[in-house]
Structure formats: C-alpha cells, structure tokens
C-alpha cells in the first residue's frame, strides 16, 4: 500500500496535498483498494462551501457507494473533470491523476491537524 510521506491524511481515508492556501484532495490507495473498481465519481460543485467532516462527494464502485468527506473546511476551487469520463483514474493513480478536487482553505483551517504518513500507516495497518 502506497502512503506518500509528503501528504496529510484523514481518518476517513482522504489525502491532502498542501499547495499554498489551497489543498488538493483525493482518496488514499488504501481506500481505492478497499472499494474495488471505481465506476462513478460524484464531484462537488466549484464555488461550493464545505465544512470539515461534511460530505464532499461520492465514489461508486462495483462493490459499494462511499461518501467522500471534507478533510478541511473551505471553498471548492477546482474539480478533476477528467474523472467524469474516466473514474478508474482513482484506481490507477490515486495520488496523481486520480485527485478529486482542490479547496481554497477557510480561515483557521489547518492541514497540520491531519494525520502524517506514519500515523496513517498505523491507522491502516492490520
């Protein structure tokens, strides 16, 4: 299982890459593996406000439908439109081409409060 050291993680299996005042968000390798083949992604609306722990979207696989939770509060600044036609990118490259959205962070929203790679590794270890 791939857990990049440069990312932050939520206990709900989302990853965050900090890019200035924005963060790029996706689901982890662990989550995509547990879901199986992803066939549909419900992306958030650009300009929409999200609150920490609120629903950001949904991922549908051949096994189930799972909610994607906002790992931080902010405004949706961009979504990965390519996932509309190729949701399997999440399975193929969860930390690269499989990103879901970018959030412009709300005041006081701090990625440092999320899990680092070691803590996420502990969370997901059998």
C-alpha atoms as a PDB file:
ATOM      1  CA  UNK A   1       0.000   0.000   0.000  1.00  0.00           C
ATOM      2  CA  UNK A   2       1.350   3.376  -1.053  1.00  0.00           C
ATOM      3  CA  UNK A   3       1.378   6.143   1.613  1.00  0.00           C
ATOM      4  CA  UNK A   4       3.397   9.134   0.337  1.00  0.00           C
ATOM      5  CA  UNK A   5       5.368  10.907   3.069  1.00  0.00           C
ATOM      6  CA  UNK A   6       4.628  14.406   1.711  1.00  0.00           C
ATOM      7  CA  UNK A   7       0.830  14.210   2.148  1.00  0.00           C
ATOM      8  CA  UNK A   8      -1.535  14.580   5.111  1.00  0.00           C
ATOM      9  CA  UNK A   9      -4.379  12.115   5.730  1.00  0.00           C
ATOM     10  CA  UNK A  10      -7.819  11.969   7.339  1.00  0.00           C
ATOM     11  CA  UNK A  11      -9.102   9.055   9.400  1.00  0.00           C
ATOM     12  CA  UNK A  12     -11.798   8.686   6.688  1.00  0.00           C
ATOM     13  CA  UNK A  13      -9.077   7.865   4.099  1.00  0.00           C
ATOM     14  CA  UNK A  14      -8.781  11.140   2.202  1.00  0.00           C
ATOM     15  CA  UNK A  15      -5.372  12.590   1.378  1.00  0.00           C
ATOM     16  CA  UNK A  16      -4.387  16.254   1.195  1.00  0.00           C
ATOM     17  CA  UNK A  17      -1.510  17.879  -0.697  1.00  0.00           C
ATOM     18  CA  UNK A  18      -0.861  21.443   0.502  1.00  0.00           C
ATOM     19  CA  UNK A  19      -0.316  23.965  -2.318  1.00  0.00           C
ATOM     20  CA  UNK A  20      -0.123  27.416  -0.691  1.00  0.00           C
ATOM     21  CA  UNK A  21      -3.592  28.442   0.515  1.00  0.00           C
ATOM     22  CA  UNK A  22      -5.132  25.558  -1.424  1.00  0.00           C
ATOM     23  CA  UNK A  23      -5.144  21.843  -0.873  1.00  0.00           C
ATOM     24  CA  UNK A  24      -5.630  19.091  -3.435  1.00  0.00           C
ATOM     25  CA  UNK A  25      -7.839  16.261  -2.128  1.00  0.00           C
ATOM     26  CA  UNK A  26      -8.297  12.644  -3.135  1.00  0.00           C
ATOM     27  CA  UNK A  27      -8.901   9.230  -1.622  1.00  0.00           C
ATOM     28  CA  UNK A  28      -5.998   7.084  -0.495  1.00  0.00           C
ATOM     29  CA  UNK A  29      -4.570   3.971  -2.101  1.00  0.00           C
ATOM     30  CA  UNK A  30      -5.975   2.046   0.879  1.00  0.00           C
ATOM     31  CA  UNK A  31      -9.493   3.400   0.199  1.00  0.00           C
ATOM     32  CA  UNK A  32      -9.458   2.763  -3.558  1.00  0.00           C
ATOM     33  CA  UNK A  33      -8.188  -0.774  -2.953  1.00  0.00           C
ATOM     34  CA  UNK A  34     -10.976  -1.462  -0.440  1.00  0.00           C
ATOM     35  CA  UNK A  35     -13.602  -0.063  -2.837  1.00  0.00           C
ATOM     36  CA  UNK A  36     -12.516  -2.086  -5.849  1.00  0.00           C
ATOM     37  CA  UNK A  37     -13.163  -0.926  -9.418  1.00  0.00           C
ATOM     38  CA  UNK A  38     -14.476   2.652  -9.326  1.00  0.00           C
ATOM     39  CA  UNK A  39     -17.187   3.274 -11.918  1.00  0.00           C
ATOM     40  CA  UNK A  40     -18.550   6.736 -10.987  1.00  0.00           C
ATOM     41  CA  UNK A  41     -17.498   9.828  -9.027  1.00  0.00           C
ATOM     42  CA  UNK A  42     -19.932  12.485  -7.826  1.00  0.00           C
ATOM     43  CA  UNK A  43     -17.764  15.615  -7.787  1.00  0.00           C
ATOM     44  CA  UNK A  44     -18.500  18.678  -5.659  1.00  0.00           C
ATOM     45  CA  UNK A  45     -19.593  21.963  -7.245  1.00  0.00           C
ATOM     46  CA  UNK A  46     -16.905  24.583  -7.885  1.00  0.00           C
ATOM     47  CA  UNK A  47     -17.609  27.530  -5.599  1.00  0.00           C
ATOM     48  CA  UNK A  48     -19.400  25.382  -3.026  1.00  0.00           C
ATOM     49  CA  UNK A  49     -18.516  25.751   0.641  1.00  0.00           C
ATOM     50  CA  UNK A  50     -17.549  22.620   2.555  1.00  0.00           C
ATOM     51  CA  UNK A  51     -17.110  22.103   6.268  1.00  0.00           C
ATOM     52  CA  UNK A  52     -14.612  19.784   7.930  1.00  0.00           C
ATOM     53  CA  UNK A  53     -16.224  16.331   8.046  1.00  0.00           C
ATOM     54  CA  UNK A  54     -19.059  17.284   5.700  1.00  0.00           C
ATOM     55  CA  UNK A  55     -19.826  15.407   2.514  1.00  0.00           C
ATOM     56  CA  UNK A  56     -17.604  16.410  -0.385  1.00  0.00           C
ATOM     57  CA  UNK A  57     -18.898  13.871  -2.916  1.00  0.00           C
ATOM     58  CA  UNK A  58     -19.347  10.157  -3.521  1.00  0.00           C
ATOM     59  CA  UNK A  59     -17.398   7.361  -5.131  1.00  0.00           C
ATOM     60  CA  UNK A  60     -19.290   4.414  -6.596  1.00  0.00           C
ATOM     61  CA  UNK A  61     -17.540   1.124  -7.194  1.00  0.00           C
ATOM     62  CA  UNK A  62     -18.591  -2.314  -8.306  1.00  0.00           C
ATOM     63  CA  UNK A  63     -18.816  -3.178  -4.585  1.00  0.00           C
ATOM     64  CA  UNK A  64     -20.476  -0.147  -2.948  1.00  0.00           C
ATOM     65  CA  UNK A  65     -21.071   3.597  -2.773  1.00  0.00           C
ATOM     66  CA  UNK A  66     -18.905   5.557  -0.343  1.00  0.00           C
ATOM     67  CA  UNK A  67     -19.047   9.171   0.702  1.00  0.00           C
ATOM     68  CA  UNK A  68     -16.010  11.396   0.379  1.00  0.00           C
ATOM     69  CA  UNK A  69     -15.658  13.645   3.424  1.00  0.00           C
ATOM     70  CA  UNK A  70     -14.062  17.074   3.504  1.00  0.00           C
ATOM     71  CA  UNK A  71     -10.747  16.740   5.356  1.00  0.00           C
ATOM     72  CA  UNK A  72     -10.715  20.533   5.888  1.00  0.00           C
ATOM     73  CA  UNK A  73     -13.121  23.468   5.611  1.00  0.00           C
ATOM     74  CA  UNK A  74     -13.006  25.689   2.565  1.00  0.00           C
ATOM     75  CA  UNK A  75     -14.392  26.571  -0.850  1.00  0.00           C
ATOM     76  CA  UNK A  76     -14.184  24.180  -3.805  1.00  0.00           C
ATOM     77  CA  UNK A  77     -11.787  25.929  -6.185  1.00  0.00           C
ATOM     78  CA  UNK A  78     -11.414  23.188  -8.833  1.00  0.00           C
ATOM     79  CA  UNK A  79     -12.570  19.655  -9.588  1.00  0.00           C
ATOM     80  CA  UNK A  80     -10.918  16.930 -11.649  1.00  0.00           C
ATOM     81  CA  UNK A  81     -13.275  16.958 -14.649  1.00  0.00           C
ATOM     82  CA  UNK A  82     -11.398  14.019 -16.190  1.00  0.00           C
ATOM     83  CA  UNK A  83     -12.962  11.740 -13.561  1.00  0.00           C
ATOM     84  CA  UNK A  84     -16.418  12.238 -15.118  1.00  0.00           C
ATOM     85  CA  UNK A  85     -15.343  10.170 -18.136  1.00  0.00           C
ATOM     86  CA  UNK A  86     -12.576   8.128 -16.502  1.00  0.00           C
ATOM     87  CA  UNK A  87     -13.347   7.447 -12.810  1.00  0.00           C
ATOM     88  CA  UNK A  88     -10.954   4.490 -12.928  1.00  0.00           C
ATOM     89  CA  UNK A  89      -8.103   7.020 -12.722  1.00  0.00           C
ATOM     90  CA  UNK A  90      -8.632   6.884  -8.953  1.00  0.00           C
ATOM     91  CA  UNK A  91      -7.757   3.169  -9.002  1.00  0.00           C
ATOM     92  CA  UNK A  92      -4.844   3.652 -11.385  1.00  0.00           C
ATOM     93  CA  UNK A  93      -3.226   6.729  -9.804  1.00  0.00           C
ATOM     94  CA  UNK A  94      -4.945   7.803  -6.555  1.00  0.00           C
ATOM     95  CA  UNK A  95      -2.275  10.392  -5.639  1.00  0.00           C
ATOM     96  CA  UNK A  96      -1.784  11.806  -9.138  1.00  0.00           C
ATOM     97  CA  UNK A  97      -4.327  11.769 -11.987  1.00  0.00           C
ATOM     98  CA  UNK A  98      -6.981  10.453  -9.586  1.00  0.00           C
ATOM     99  CA  UNK A  99      -7.263  13.621  -7.457  1.00  0.00           C
ATOM    100  CA  UNK A 100     -10.839  14.746  -6.788  1.00  0.00           C
ATOM    101  CA  UNK A 101     -10.875  18.472  -6.028  1.00  0.00           C
ATOM    102  CA  UNK A 102      -8.968  21.487  -4.778  1.00  0.00           C
ATOM    103  CA  UNK A 103     -10.111  23.533  -1.795  1.00  0.00           C
ATOM    104  CA  UNK A 104      -9.271  27.138  -1.020  1.00  0.00           C
ATOM    105  CA  UNK A 105      -8.835  26.841   2.737  1.00  0.00           C
ATOM    106  CA  UNK A 106     -11.146  28.691   5.096  1.00  0.00           C
ATOM    107  CA  UNK A 107      -9.568  30.924   7.748  1.00  0.00           C
ATOM    108  CA  UNK A 108      -8.310  28.777  10.600  1.00  0.00           C
ATOM    109  CA  UNK A 109      -8.389  25.551   8.584  1.00  0.00           C
ATOM    110  CA  UNK A 110      -5.020  23.904   9.246  1.00  0.00           C
ATOM    111  CA  UNK A 111      -3.732  20.820   7.389  1.00  0.00           C
ATOM    112  CA  UNK A 112      -1.235  20.250  10.222  1.00  0.00           C
ATOM    113  CA  UNK A 113      -4.146  18.854  12.242  1.00  0.00           C
ATOM    114  CA  UNK A 114      -4.435  15.894   9.864  1.00  0.00           C
ATOM    115  CA  UNK A 115      -2.504  12.639  10.177  1.00  0.00           C
ATOM    116  CA  UNK A 116       1.029  12.413   8.840  1.00  0.00           C
ATOM    117  CA  UNK A 117       2.126   9.361   6.839  1.00  0.00           C
ATOM    118  CA  UNK A 118       3.339   7.443   9.918  1.00  0.00           C
ATOM    119  CA  UNK A 119       0.070   7.987  11.796  1.00  0.00           C
ATOM    120  CA  UNK A 120      -1.976   6.994   8.728  1.00  0.00           C
ATOM    121  CA  UNK A 121       0.188   3.886   8.297  1.00  0.00           C
ATOM    122  CA  UNK A 122      -0.601   2.979  11.946  1.00  0.00           C
ATOM    123  CA  UNK A 123      -4.326   3.554  11.324  1.00  0.00           C
ATOM    124  CA  UNK A 124      -4.409   1.236   8.307  1.00  0.00           C
ATOM    125  CA  UNK A 125      -2.076  -1.497   9.496  1.00  0.00           C
ATOM    126  CA  UNK A 126      -3.641  -4.865  10.206  1.00  0.00           C
END
